[in-house]
Amino acid sequence: MKKKKREFQSSELVKSFARLYGFENKLLAFEVKDFLHEYLNDALFNEIESVNLNRKILEIRIKSPLLKNDFRMRKTFYLKKFQEKFGEEHFIDLLVL
């Protein structure tokens, strides 16, 4: 009897591992950070210290007061953008720190 060879894409394997060990939120936060890297230019992206997801609230910590103010003023725009990209069920609010 020949064993079946299982082929997984690396992203599927990482997602199943995250689901198994309970760090899906951290993995989703990394995906959001990657999206921000694509969306913002390098100078603006370098001002972002961290991205975390805690109880469906996306927390973005920003060093620059100007960028922080921009994120706060356009909070609903960014929240909708993240919900469109990753699904509405993952985010209920955006907190800019």
C-alpha atoms as a PDB file:
ATOM      1  CA  MET A   1       0.000   0.000   0.000  1.00  0.00           C
ATOM      2  CA  LYS A   2       1.380   3.342  -1.043  1.00  0.00           C
ATOM      3  CA  LYS A   3       1.157   6.296   1.379  1.00  0.00           C
ATOM      4  CA  LYS A   4      -0.521   9.441   0.182  1.00  0.00           C
ATOM      5  CA  LYS A   5       1.752  12.380  -0.165  1.00  0.00           C
ATOM      6  CA  ARG A   6       0.172  15.474   1.346  1.00  0.00           C
ATOM      7  CA  GLU A   7       0.904  18.745  -0.309  1.00  0.00           C
ATOM      8  CA  PHE A   8       0.108  21.971   1.474  1.00  0.00           C
ATOM      9  CA  GLN A   9       0.750  25.510   0.554  1.00  0.00           C
ATOM     10  CA  SER A  10       2.881  27.122   3.229  1.00  0.00           C
ATOM     11  CA  SER A  11       0.157  29.655   4.033  1.00  0.00           C
ATOM     12  CA  GLU A  12      -2.385  26.883   4.679  1.00  0.00           C
ATOM     13  CA  LEU A  13       0.058  25.078   6.915  1.00  0.00           C
ATOM     14  CA  VAL A  14       0.823  28.219   8.919  1.00  0.00           C
ATOM     15  CA  LYS A  15      -2.901  29.011   9.271  1.00  0.00           C
ATOM     16  CA  SER A  16      -3.710  25.520  10.525  1.00  0.00           C
ATOM     17  CA  PHE A  17      -0.775  25.695  12.952  1.00  0.00           C
ATOM     18  CA  ALA A  18      -1.998  29.098  14.204  1.00  0.00           C
ATOM     19  CA  ARG A  19      -5.524  27.747  14.654  1.00  0.00           C
ATOM     20  CA  LEU A  20      -4.197  24.756  16.565  1.00  0.00           C
ATOM     21  CA  TYR A  21      -2.059  26.803  18.981  1.00  0.00           C
ATOM     22  CA  GLY A  22      -4.346  29.840  19.263  1.00  0.00           C
ATOM     23  CA  PHE A  23      -2.328  32.663  17.747  1.00  0.00           C
ATOM     24  CA  GLU A  24      -4.581  33.414  14.777  1.00  0.00           C
ATOM     25  CA  ASN A  25      -4.893  37.045  15.891  1.00  0.00           C
ATOM     26  CA  LYS A  26      -1.137  37.573  15.748  1.00  0.00           C
ATOM     27  CA  LEU A  27      -0.972  36.031  12.293  1.00  0.00           C
ATOM     28  CA  LEU A  28      -3.781  38.315  11.082  1.00  0.00           C
ATOM     29  CA  ALA A  29      -1.988  41.321  12.617  1.00  0.00           C
ATOM     30  CA  PHE A  30       1.123  40.399  10.581  1.00  0.00           C
ATOM     31  CA  GLU A  31      -1.023  40.251   7.436  1.00  0.00           C
ATOM     32  CA  VAL A  32      -2.410  43.722   8.206  1.00  0.00           C
ATOM     33  CA  LYS A  33       1.119  45.028   8.737  1.00  0.00           C
ATOM     34  CA  ASP A  34       2.177  43.573   5.375  1.00  0.00           C
ATOM     35  CA  PHE A  35      -0.841  45.238   3.755  1.00  0.00           C
ATOM     36  CA  LEU A  36       0.151  48.577   5.311  1.00  0.00           C
ATOM     37  CA  HIS A  37       3.668  48.131   3.961  1.00  0.00           C
ATOM     38  CA  GLU A  38       2.220  47.780   0.452  1.00  0.00           C
ATOM     39  CA  TYR A  39      -0.317  50.590   0.926  1.00  0.00           C
ATOM     40  CA  LEU A  40       1.950  53.236   2.506  1.00  0.00           C
ATOM     41  CA  ASN A  41       5.287  54.447   1.217  1.00  0.00           C
ATOM     42  CA  ASP A  42       8.431  53.362   3.075  1.00  0.00           C
ATOM     43  CA  ALA A  43       8.855  56.606   5.026  1.00  0.00           C
ATOM     44  CA  LEU A  44       5.320  56.400   6.433  1.00  0.00           C
ATOM     45  CA  PHE A  45       5.496  52.657   7.057  1.00  0.00           C
ATOM     46  CA  ASN A  46       8.681  53.091   9.100  1.00  0.00           C
ATOM     47  CA  GLU A  47       6.690  55.248  11.537  1.00  0.00           C
ATOM     48  CA  ILE A  48       4.483  52.275  12.465  1.00  0.00           C
ATOM     49  CA  GLU A  49       5.833  50.598  15.590  1.00  0.00           C
ATOM     50  CA  SER A  50       3.433  47.672  15.924  1.00  0.00           C
ATOM     51  CA  VAL A  51       0.141  46.184  14.825  1.00  0.00           C
ATOM     52  CA  ASN A  52      -1.849  43.962  17.186  1.00  0.00           C
ATOM     53  CA  LEU A  53      -5.299  42.425  17.221  1.00  0.00           C
ATOM     54  CA  ASN A  54      -6.945  42.106  20.613  1.00  0.00           C
ATOM     55  CA  ARG A  55     -10.607  41.079  20.980  1.00  0.00           C
ATOM     56  CA  LYS A  56     -11.336  42.083  17.374  1.00  0.00           C
ATOM     57  CA  ILE A  57      -9.911  45.570  17.991  1.00  0.00           C
ATOM     58  CA  LEU A  58      -7.014  46.370  15.683  1.00  0.00           C
ATOM     59  CA  GLU A  59      -4.360  48.364  17.565  1.00  0.00           C
ATOM     60  CA  ILE A  60      -1.827  50.300  15.515  1.00  0.00           C
ATOM     61  CA  ARG A  61       1.001  51.986  17.435  1.00  0.00           C
ATOM     62  CA  ILE A  62       2.509  54.921  15.483  1.00  0.00           C
ATOM     63  CA  LYS A  63       5.581  57.025  16.378  1.00  0.00           C
ATOM     64  CA  SER A  64       4.870  60.086  14.224  1.00  0.00           C
ATOM     65  CA  PRO A  65       2.270  62.519  15.615  1.00  0.00           C
ATOM     66  CA  LEU A  66       1.280  63.608  12.094  1.00  0.00           C
ATOM     67  CA  LEU A  67       0.682  60.075  10.835  1.00  0.00           C
ATOM     68  CA  LYS A  68      -1.078  59.181  14.075  1.00  0.00           C
ATOM     69  CA  ASN A  69      -3.423  62.146  13.586  1.00  0.00           C
ATOM     70  CA  ASP A  70      -4.060  61.130   9.963  1.00  0.00           C
ATOM     71  CA  PHE A  71      -4.991  57.585  11.027  1.00  0.00           C
ATOM     72  CA  ARG A  72      -7.291  58.934  13.740  1.00  0.00           C
ATOM     73  CA  MET A  73      -9.046  61.350  11.375  1.00  0.00           C
ATOM     74  CA  ARG A  74      -9.501  58.684   8.697  1.00  0.00           C
ATOM     75  CA  LYS A  75     -10.218  55.872  11.144  1.00  0.00           C
ATOM     76  CA  THR A  76     -13.424  54.703   9.454  1.00  0.00           C
ATOM     77  CA  PHE A  77     -11.724  54.728   6.047  1.00  0.00           C
ATOM     78  CA  TYR A  78      -8.891  52.495   7.270  1.00  0.00           C
ATOM     79  CA  LEU A  79     -11.247  50.223   9.213  1.00  0.00           C
ATOM     80  CA  LYS A  80     -13.403  49.693   6.105  1.00  0.00           C
ATOM     81  CA  LYS A  81     -10.267  49.051   4.050  1.00  0.00           C
ATOM     82  CA  PHE A  82      -9.112  46.334   6.477  1.00  0.00           C
ATOM     83  CA  GLN A  83     -12.611  44.827   6.662  1.00  0.00           C
ATOM     84  CA  GLU A  84     -12.817  44.651   2.862  1.00  0.00           C
ATOM     85  CA  LYS A  85      -9.398  43.042   2.575  1.00  0.00           C
ATOM     86  CA  PHE A  86      -9.546  40.569   5.482  1.00  0.00           C
ATOM     87  CA  GLY A  87     -13.264  40.191   6.272  1.00  0.00           C
ATOM     88  CA  GLU A  88     -15.676  42.170   8.431  1.00  0.00           C
ATOM     89  CA  GLU A  89     -15.869  39.437  11.060  1.00  0.00           C
ATOM     90  CA  HIS A  90     -12.247  40.000  12.123  1.00  0.00           C
ATOM     91  CA  PHE A  91     -12.388  43.711  13.081  1.00  0.00           C
ATOM     92  CA  ILE A  92     -14.947  45.739  15.014  1.00  0.00           C
ATOM     93  CA  ASP A  93     -12.811  48.792  15.772  1.00  0.00           C
ATOM     94  CA  LEU A  94      -9.486  50.474  15.093  1.00  0.00           C
ATOM     95  CA  LEU A  95      -7.422  51.949  17.902  1.00  0.00           C
ATOM     96  CA  VAL A  96      -4.522  54.244  17.016  1.00  0.00           C
ATOM     97  CA  LEU A  97      -1.934  54.601  19.781  1.00  0.00           C
END
